[in-house]
Protein backbone atom coordinates (compact mmCIF):
# COMPACT_ATOMS: atom_id res chain seq x y z
CA MET A 1 -39.16 18.63 -47.98
CA ASP A 2 -38.41 20.60 -44.45
CA ALA A 3 -35.70 22.91 -44.88
CA ASN A 4 -34.35 21.60 -41.57
CA MET A 5 -34.25 17.99 -42.79
CA PRO A 6 -30.84 16.43 -43.74
CA ARG A 7 -30.67 16.06 -47.36
CA ARG A 8 -31.16 12.55 -48.80
CA ARG A 9 -27.77 10.96 -49.17
CA GLU A 10 -26.37 8.09 -50.82
CA PRO A 11 -26.16 4.70 -48.69
CA GLY A 12 -23.14 4.25 -46.75
CA LYS A 13 -22.57 7.95 -46.21
CA SER A 14 -22.28 9.46 -42.78
CA LEU A 15 -25.31 11.29 -41.43
CA ARG A 16 -25.79 13.85 -38.66
CA ILE A 17 -28.94 14.18 -36.85
CA LYS A 18 -30.21 16.22 -33.89
CA VAL A 19 -32.47 14.74 -31.17
CA ILE A 20 -34.01 16.45 -28.19
CA SER A 21 -35.51 15.02 -24.88
CA MET A 22 -38.61 16.48 -23.33
CA GLY A 23 -40.55 15.71 -20.13
CA ASN A 24 -40.92 16.84 -16.53
CA ALA A 25 -38.03 17.27 -14.02
CA GLU A 26 -36.76 14.16 -12.29
CA VAL A 27 -38.22 11.73 -14.77
CA GLY A 28 -34.69 10.59 -15.86
CA LYS A 29 -34.14 12.32 -19.10
CA SER A 30 -30.37 12.99 -18.39
CA CYS A 31 -29.86 9.62 -16.78
CA ILE A 32 -31.09 7.85 -19.89
CA ILE A 33 -28.77 9.92 -22.07
CA LYS A 34 -25.81 9.17 -19.89
CA ARG A 35 -26.63 5.54 -19.51
CA TYR A 36 -26.55 5.20 -23.29
CA CYS A 37 -23.68 7.66 -24.27
CA GLU A 38 -21.48 6.98 -21.11
CA LYS A 39 -22.79 3.37 -20.15
CA ARG A 40 -23.16 4.64 -16.65
CA PHE A 41 -25.76 5.38 -14.21
CA VAL A 42 -25.74 8.70 -12.07
CA SER A 43 -27.67 8.00 -8.87
CA LYS A 44 -27.39 11.48 -7.40
CA TYR A 45 -30.14 13.76 -8.98
CA LEU A 46 -28.64 16.98 -10.22
CA ALA A 47 -31.22 19.33 -11.95
CA THR A 48 -30.27 20.24 -15.47
CA ILE A 49 -29.87 24.04 -15.93
CA GLY A 50 -30.76 25.22 -19.40
CA ILE A 51 -29.77 22.67 -22.11
CA ASP A 52 -27.76 19.47 -21.48
CA TYR A 53 -25.77 18.29 -24.49
CA GLY A 54 -24.48 14.96 -25.56
CA VAL A 55 -22.88 13.47 -28.63
CA THR A 56 -22.58 9.85 -29.69
CA LYS A 57 -21.83 7.97 -33.02
CA VAL A 58 -24.06 4.93 -33.91
CA GLN A 59 -24.02 2.53 -36.90
CA VAL A 60 -27.41 2.03 -38.63
CA ARG A 61 -27.10 -0.63 -41.33
CA ASP A 62 -24.26 0.59 -43.60
CA ARG A 63 -24.37 4.13 -42.49
CA GLU A 64 -22.50 6.10 -39.70
CA VAL A 65 -24.79 8.37 -37.83
CA LYS A 66 -23.45 11.10 -35.65
CA VAL A 67 -26.19 12.11 -33.04
CA ASN A 68 -26.26 15.32 -31.23
CA ILE A 69 -28.81 14.67 -28.08
CA PHE A 70 -30.12 17.91 -26.40
CA ASP A 71 -31.88 17.61 -22.96
CA MET A 72 -34.36 20.66 -22.96
CA ALA A 73 -34.93 20.56 -19.30
CA GLY A 74 -37.78 23.06 -19.59
CA ALA A 75 -35.89 25.43 -21.78
CA GLU A 76 -38.00 28.23 -22.82
CA ARG A 77 -37.75 27.41 -26.50
CA VAL A 78 -37.49 24.09 -28.40
CA LEU A 79 -34.46 23.79 -30.57
CA GLN A 80 -35.44 23.48 -34.26
CA GLY A 81 -33.95 21.61 -36.83
CA HIS A 82 -34.32 18.25 -34.92
CA GLN A 83 -35.44 14.91 -36.48
CA GLY A 84 -36.27 13.06 -33.29
CA VAL A 85 -37.79 13.82 -30.06
CA LEU A 86 -37.71 11.56 -26.93
CA LEU A 87 -40.65 12.03 -24.64
CA VAL A 88 -39.78 10.71 -21.12
CA TYR A 89 -42.15 10.25 -18.19
CA ASP A 90 -41.93 8.51 -14.90
CA VAL A 91 -44.14 5.40 -14.54
CA GLY A 92 -44.46 6.22 -10.79
CA GLN A 93 -45.67 9.90 -11.37
CA LYS A 94 -49.00 10.24 -13.11
CA ASP A 95 -48.53 14.11 -13.41
CA SER A 96 -45.44 13.27 -15.53
CA PHE A 97 -47.50 11.23 -17.98
CA ASP A 98 -50.28 13.67 -18.16
CA ALA A 99 -47.90 16.49 -18.94
CA LEU A 100 -46.77 14.81 -22.20
CA ASP A 101 -49.82 16.54 -24.04
CA THR A 102 -48.60 19.90 -22.66
CA TRP A 103 -45.18 19.19 -23.97
CA LEU A 104 -46.39 18.40 -27.39
CA ALA A 105 -48.41 21.57 -27.44
CA GLU A 106 -45.42 23.74 -26.33
CA MET A 107 -43.32 22.12 -29.06
CA LYS A 108 -46.01 22.79 -31.78
CA GLN A 109 -46.15 26.29 -30.56
CA ASP A 110 -42.55 26.84 -30.79
CA LEU A 111 -42.18 25.40 -34.19
CA GLY A 112 -44.53 28.17 -35.38
CA PRO A 113 -47.12 27.97 -38.24
CA HIS A 114 -44.53 26.50 -40.63
CA GLY A 115 -43.28 23.83 -38.34
CA ASN A 116 -44.13 20.15 -39.27
CA MET A 117 -44.34 17.79 -36.54
CA ASP A 118 -45.08 14.97 -38.99
CA ASN A 119 -41.40 15.27 -40.10
CA VAL A 120 -40.17 14.30 -36.61
CA VAL A 121 -39.83 10.75 -35.24
CA PHE A 122 -41.24 10.47 -31.70
CA VAL A 123 -40.40 7.86 -29.09
CA VAL A 124 -42.19 7.71 -25.66
CA CYS A 125 -40.05 6.41 -22.88
CA ALA A 126 -41.79 5.06 -19.85
CA ASN A 127 -38.94 5.19 -17.46
CA LYS A 128 -38.21 3.81 -14.06
CA VAL A 129 -39.81 0.50 -14.53
CA ASP A 130 -37.30 -0.91 -12.26
CA CYS A 131 -39.71 0.24 -9.24
CA PRO A 132 -42.85 -1.88 -9.89
CA LYS A 133 -44.31 -1.32 -6.43
CA HIS A 134 -44.37 2.59 -7.19
CA ARG A 135 -45.91 2.28 -10.47
CA CYS A 136 -49.14 4.06 -11.29
CA VAL A 137 -49.20 4.23 -15.10
CA ASP A 138 -49.43 0.72 -16.56
CA GLU A 139 -47.94 -0.31 -19.83
CA ASN A 140 -51.33 -0.38 -21.53
CA GLU A 141 -52.10 3.21 -20.65
CA GLY A 142 -48.71 4.47 -21.77
CA ARG A 143 -48.59 2.37 -24.99
CA LEU A 144 -52.15 3.44 -25.89
CA TRP A 145 -51.29 7.03 -25.71
CA ALA A 146 -47.98 6.63 -27.75
CA GLU A 147 -49.39 4.29 -30.48
CA SER A 148 -52.68 6.27 -31.00
CA LYS A 149 -50.27 9.19 -32.12
CA GLY A 150 -48.12 7.07 -34.30
CA PHE A 151 -45.26 7.32 -31.73
CA LEU A 152 -42.85 4.48 -30.81
CA TYR A 153 -43.12 3.26 -27.22
CA PHE A 154 -40.53 1.69 -24.96
CA GLU A 155 -40.38 0.73 -21.30
CA THR A 156 -36.98 1.67 -19.67
CA SER A 157 -34.86 1.99 -16.62
CA ALA A 158 -31.90 4.15 -16.69
CA GLN A 159 -30.74 2.41 -13.41
CA THR A 160 -30.63 -0.93 -14.69
CA GLY A 161 -30.11 -0.23 -18.55
CA GLU A 162 -33.32 -2.22 -19.20
CA GLY A 163 -34.69 -1.21 -22.65
CA ILE A 164 -32.18 1.70 -23.28
CA ASN A 165 -30.11 0.35 -26.04
CA GLU A 166 -33.25 -1.28 -27.96
CA MET A 167 -35.04 2.05 -27.50
CA PHE A 168 -32.16 4.13 -29.10
CA GLN A 169 -31.38 1.65 -31.80
CA THR A 170 -35.03 1.66 -32.93
CA PHE A 171 -35.28 5.36 -32.61
CA TYR A 172 -32.06 5.94 -34.73
CA THR A 173 -33.14 3.53 -37.46
CA SER A 174 -36.59 5.25 -37.68
CA ILE A 175 -34.88 8.50 -38.19
CA VAL A 176 -32.43 7.39 -40.86
CA ASP A 177 -35.42 5.70 -42.61
CA LEU A 178 -37.23 9.08 -42.36
CA CYS A 179 -34.29 11.04 -43.83
CA GLU A 180 -33.86 8.59 -46.57
CA ASN A 181 -37.65 8.73 -47.37
CA GLY A 182 -37.60 12.56 -47.94
CA GLY A 183 -38.48 13.31 -44.40
CA LYS A 184 -41.84 11.56 -44.38
CA ARG A 185 -42.77 9.26 -41.33
CA PRO A 186 -45.76 6.88 -41.16
CA ILE A 187 -49.27 8.65 -40.72
CA PRO A 188 -50.35 8.24 -37.14
CA ASN A 189 -52.70 5.04 -36.65
CA SER A 190 -51.62 3.75 -40.11
CA SER A 191 -49.83 0.83 -38.55
CA ALA A 192 -51.37 0.83 -35.15
CA GLY A 193 -54.43 -1.28 -36.06
CA PHE A 194 -56.89 0.61 -34.03
CA THR A 195 -58.69 3.91 -34.35
CA LYS A 196 -58.69 7.19 -32.58
CA GLU A 197 -62.20 6.44 -31.42
CA GLN A 198 -61.13 3.23 -29.83
CA ALA A 199 -58.12 4.71 -28.15
CA ASP A 200 -60.32 7.79 -26.85
CA THR A 201 -63.01 5.36 -25.49
CA ILE A 202 -60.38 3.21 -23.64
CA ARG A 203 -58.93 6.32 -21.97
CA ARG A 204 -62.44 7.54 -20.94
CA ILE A 205 -63.18 3.97 -19.46
CA ARG A 206 -60.03 4.02 -17.41
CA ASN A 207 -60.88 7.48 -16.17
CA SER A 208 -64.41 6.82 -15.27
CA LYS A 209 -65.70 7.79 -11.88
CA ASP A 210 -68.39 4.91 -11.65
CA SER A 211 -70.38 2.30 -13.67
CA TRP A 212 -72.83 4.83 -15.05
CA ASP A 213 -70.14 7.08 -16.32
CA MET A 214 -68.13 4.08 -17.93
CA LEU A 215 -71.28 3.13 -19.82
CA GLY A 216 -71.71 6.83 -20.74
CA VAL A 217 -75.24 6.98 -19.45
CA LYS A 218 -76.85 9.18 -16.75
CA PRO A 219 -77.83 7.74 -13.34
CA GLY A 220 -81.50 6.80 -13.54
CA ALA A 221 -81.34 5.63 -17.20
CA SER A 222 -83.57 2.85 -18.40
CA ARG A 223 -82.57 -0.72 -18.93
CA ASP A 224 -83.12 -0.01 -22.65
CA GLU A 225 -80.70 2.93 -22.64
CA VAL A 226 -78.03 0.86 -20.56
CA ASN A 227 -78.25 -2.14 -22.97
CA LYS A 228 -77.98 0.18 -25.98
CA ALA A 229 -74.96 1.90 -24.59
CA TYR A 230 -73.41 -1.44 -23.56
CA ARG A 231 -73.83 -2.83 -27.27
CA ARG A 232 -72.02 0.19 -28.82
CA LEU A 233 -69.06 -0.22 -26.52
CA ALA A 234 -68.88 -4.03 -26.86
CA VAL A 235 -69.03 -3.67 -30.69
CA LEU A 236 -66.09 -1.05 -30.44
CA LEU A 237 -63.94 -2.73 -27.95
CA HIS A 238 -64.46 -6.49 -28.18
CA PRO A 239 -60.92 -8.18 -28.08
CA ASP A 240 -61.83 -10.09 -31.34
CA LYS A 241 -62.19 -6.82 -33.16
CA CYS A 242 -59.96 -4.43 -31.28
CA VAL A 243 -56.32 -4.53 -30.99
CA ALA A 244 -55.68 -1.50 -28.96
CA PRO A 245 -53.58 -1.66 -25.76
CA GLY A 246 -55.88 -2.19 -22.85
CA SER A 247 -58.91 -3.11 -24.96
CA GLU A 248 -59.34 -6.38 -23.25
CA ASP A 249 -59.38 -4.91 -19.63
CA ALA A 250 -61.76 -2.11 -20.95
CA PHE A 251 -64.12 -4.66 -22.38
CA LYS A 252 -64.11 -6.50 -19.08
CA ALA A 253 -64.82 -3.28 -17.21
CA VAL A 254 -67.73 -2.45 -19.34
CA VAL A 255 -69.20 -5.81 -19.05
CA ASN A 256 -68.90 -5.64 -15.19
CA ALA A 257 -70.30 -1.96 -15.36
CA ARG A 258 -73.45 -3.10 -17.13
CA THR A 259 -74.09 -5.95 -14.58
CA ALA A 260 -73.70 -3.52 -11.70
CA VAL A 261 -76.04 -0.93 -13.29
CA LEU A 262 -78.77 -3.45 -14.24
CA LYS A 263 -78.51 -4.69 -10.70
CA ASN A 264 -78.95 -1.25 -9.44
CA ILE A 265 -81.95 -0.46 -11.55
CA LYS A 266 -83.53 -3.76 -10.47
CA ILE A 267 -83.17 -3.01 -6.74
CA SER A 268 -84.44 0.51 -7.17
CA LEU A 269 -87.65 -0.97 -8.87
CA LEU A 270 -88.05 -3.34 -5.98
CA LEU A 271 -87.70 -0.72 -3.41
CA SER A 272 -90.25 1.56 -5.13
CA VAL A 273 -92.80 -1.11 -5.19
CA CYS A 274 -92.27 -1.95 -1.28
CA VAL A 275 -92.51 1.56 -0.11
CA SER A 276 -95.28 2.83 -2.37
CA PRO A 277 -98.41 3.80 -0.32
CA LYS A 278 -101.42 1.56 -0.47
CA PRO A 279 -104.37 2.83 -2.51
CA VAL A 280 -106.91 4.48 -0.25
CA THR A 281 -110.62 2.83 -0.62
CA GLN A 282 -113.56 5.12 -0.02
CA ALA A 283 -115.20 4.07 3.13
CA PRO A 284 -119.07 3.33 2.97
CA ALA A 285 -121.18 6.25 3.91
CA THR A 286 -122.28 5.85 7.58
CA ILE A 287 -125.47 6.94 9.01
CA SER A 288 -125.65 9.14 11.88
CA GLN A 289 -127.41 7.96 15.09
CA ARG A 290 -130.16 10.65 14.66
CA GLU A 291 -130.63 9.60 11.10
CA ARG A 292 -130.84 6.04 12.16
CA ARG A 293 -133.63 6.80 14.62
CA ASN A 294 -135.51 8.94 12.09
CA HIS A 295 -135.41 6.49 9.45
CA THR A 296 -135.58 3.13 11.07
CA PRO A 297 -139.17 1.78 11.23
CA ALA A 298 -140.62 1.02 14.76
CA ARG A 299 -140.01 -2.46 15.65
CA ARG A 300 -142.86 -4.53 17.10
CA SER A 301 -142.09 -5.74 20.67
CA SER A 302 -142.33 -9.53 20.48
CA HIS A 303 -143.18 -9.75 24.17
CA THR A 304 -146.24 -7.32 24.43
CA SER A 305 -148.66 -10.28 23.97
CA THR A 306 -147.31 -11.85 27.20
CA LEU A 307 -147.65 -8.86 29.34
CA LYS A 308 -150.48 -9.07 32.04
CA ALA A 309 -153.23 -6.19 31.96
CA ASP A 310 -153.50 -4.32 35.06
CA PRO A 311 -156.30 -5.57 37.02
CA PRO A 312 -159.50 -3.62 36.98
CA SER A 313 -160.04 -1.22 40.04
CA GLY A 314 -163.25 -0.19 41.82
CA PRO A 315 -166.72 -1.85 41.46
CA LEU A 316 -165.52 -4.27 38.89
CA LEU A 317 -163.91 -6.31 41.61
CA ARG A 318 -167.05 -6.52 43.54
CA LYS A 319 -169.75 -8.93 42.37
């Protein structure tokens, strides 16, 4: 068991755990913590310098849990000895969502070669869902990223309090379960119901630049190549066989992409037929005028018999 993991305790005994929050600036990490610990929302943004700290007590089943919450706010090193990580992004800022991979990579690096991220409970918090008009990261995209890694996922609003209590209660319960189970959390994808290949394919389709890219074929591919690529994706993403978040939308997008590409191929073939040059036929050999005079037999004049002979001259006229 990890040396930083609280030792297994008897039911009913108090437990102390450490939780850290990570994410880009202005995504609402401190606001989420204050909403939960102090039951209030701070509308004025004040950048957290260094590490913000909060303490609270919660009841999980028959056990009292003392929670220390640390907001890292870009601290150079991740605190070690924690049992839970809260990954927060703003649903209205795509770059804050994309940065989650970077935060995980930095955490793994800070933990060192002996650090084990499998002994930590992760929860992904899609914050600021109270502003739907500004949303650019939908629920399917966020949930897919989280569940494909075996992380918990919640949609929250620090301003309205939506999802905050439910998220923390599930978060702490999972941490207590982990501690009571010797520091082991479920293997990623063991309960997700979908594979990493399906999750990666859905993300690739969402980020495709055109229909060709969506099907995974190059422009100019043949009908057979297009249909082959479509069948592979259909088997992988059909809603009857895939329960990954966003699989239904991805499948519809693949169907539409196939239709568009096949139509494009058909139009290209028709245009190639219309603009193709007509085959040149060899003109029959012509005979020059001189050759015609030399080779054409002389014609007999049909009116020579009707011509009158010149009258005889001289003595023949005298008799």
